[in-house]
């Protein structure tokens, strides 16, 4: 009987990892593919020191500072650690700081003008007259979007002044377009946007520590390095002095933390009608639905475990067996809840699953990593369904065993 709660724990622990795949890691990577396809390419960028974008341009989000966690600072010893100070301690509690958006790189506000489908470009297997095929299946009216951004010490054609250097903007045919520039610690961003590349040091209370890029590694496929700075100067440029001035030991730590500015290009899509017409929304929503599925199932697992512990306690202490009837009713309720949840989650993720299968079967992503993410998502989704149904069978067996025990008790009294 004790094996049942153990099996329940095993089933729900297996939800997060299916084989060697992390469910949330795969969902987050799917989300990035959706974001990449949904974000319109940049026709132009215009960094400005005036902190107000020119007409026709809008502010670009180039990153997020994740904020800090609560901490404990002991001035006498100079120690700083995560978590609250112990009671009676002479040390000082450090409150957490919430995340902040970043729009400025080295005192220049980044402004962009994005392409508009139907106005600047159309998607077609054969471009109409008067259009240029800038990259496979995308036909632009007058000029191609940006394909490369980099800094130069000397002015070249197409460059604009940027402090003591020049920002070079290239537009080339048959090259994938740039859709954003982003900041990240240590290296180019991870393919999973929820991860941070490892390397170097980071402030001890930083909310998202640089622990590495997980399953899919650094995004060397769609990212290229443009410039570097340190985290402290980046935050000062973005006007966050008041948010970080009370954080002990922050300045020396953040001053030694490398931040890299990277350009990010569109993921390559195969020139097929089915691929060009892909809807990015199912990929984007897979990221959020994966979290809902994981935590919702975890709650149900905790409830099931609690009910079993209650049953074992009742049996071992020879309490009134009527309590087991209550337990049986609760088990039935849990089965109903899990059954309904299973249907809802399957419905929510079905579009993402269909989109992943279509992308895989049509070969929409010629590069290895996006195609691998599609295949992994299919495998993980099927594995999660197996865990769900196994859990439901386990619960049904639990109810039958409990009912049999109650009937046996009753027959024994008769």
Foldseek 3Di string as FASTA:
>chain_A
DVVLLVVLVVLLVCLQPDPNDGLLLLLLLLQLLLVLVPFFFFQDKDWALVPDDDPQWDFAFAEKQAWFAKWKADPVVRDIAHDADDPPDPIDIDHIFHMDTAQDDPNIGMITHGDDEPPFWHFDQDDDPQWDQQAFRITGRPFAGWQDKAKAQDDDPQWDDDPNIIIHTDGHGHGFGWRHKHKAWPDAAASRNLAGADDWFADNGRPHDHPFRPDRGHCPPFKDFHDKAFQVVSCVSRVCCVRCVPPPPHVVRRRRIMMTMMIGGRAAWDNDPVLVPQNSVLSSVSSVLSVVVSVVSVVLSVVVSVLVVVVVVCVVVVHDCVVLVVSLVVLVVSLVVLVVVLVVSCVSNVVSLVSLVVCLVVVTGVDDSVVVSSVVNNSSVVSSNVSSVVSSVSSVVVSVVSVVVVVVVVVVVD
